[in-house]
Amino acid sequence: MYEERASRLAGAVVWRRTLEDPAVRPVLPDGCMDLLWSEGRLLVAGPDTRAYVPQGPRRRWAGVRFHPGTAPGFLGVPAHELRDRRVELTDLWPAAEVRRLGARVEAARDPATALEDIAWERAAEAGPPDPLLGRLVAALDAGRPVAATADELGLGARQLHRRCLTAFGYGPKTLARVLRLQRALALARTGVPFAETAVRAGYADQPHLARDVRELAGATLGELLGRR
């Protein structure tokens, strides 16, 4: 079984998956990063540029999925260093601290809530995220062109690219593609016809939507909806 809920952290989501859920679902690019726990291990999932398909035996999982651009401040590492990677938390934080946090999660009745508590405490130490990043995500998620968004934020192209690499793991054009993919999936899942989904999500036409979904998700839109 998979379930998720809103976190106390703004924009974040707390989720868990139990052994009763046999499905292997691809994790699609969404601009987010996750703090993960799975049967004694603490890990971090970096920002994806392509679908990630979990491998190995079924395990219990819990996680906190951070709103795009907010995790690097919490983790203390630029997002591009974790792009398309799953790494042990000990690769990022002191081993003694990770052992202490791991024991805390293991002792908790609900590992997902324990992870959320850790994220909450760490985020309080790190301070609030850069509001410019939130404005950037909102503009691109609304379909604003990258160049126009940079002008509105008062950033040059190179400066915007550097800020995006640190915060999101890739440049603004890739971030815009990922957010557009998520808009299309949200529309299609409500039953909007694919041709209309393409127009409303910001694609040139339905073939453009099909190509982009295949490149980013490794499957057709119809296959993704069926897997869900």
Foldseek 3Di string as FASTA:
>chain_A
DKDWDDAPPPPKIKIKDALVDPAWAWDFFALKKKFKDWDLFTKIQAGEQATDTDDDDDTIMIIMIDDHQLVCLLQVFFRLVRYRHIGTSVVRDPPVVRNVLSVQLVPDPHSRVSNSVSSVVSDVVSDDGDVLVVQLLVCLLQVHDPVVSCVVSVHDQVRQQVSCCRRRSGGSVSNSLSSLLVQLLVCVLVPDDQQVSCVNSHHPGSVRNQVSCCSRYVDGSVVNSVSD
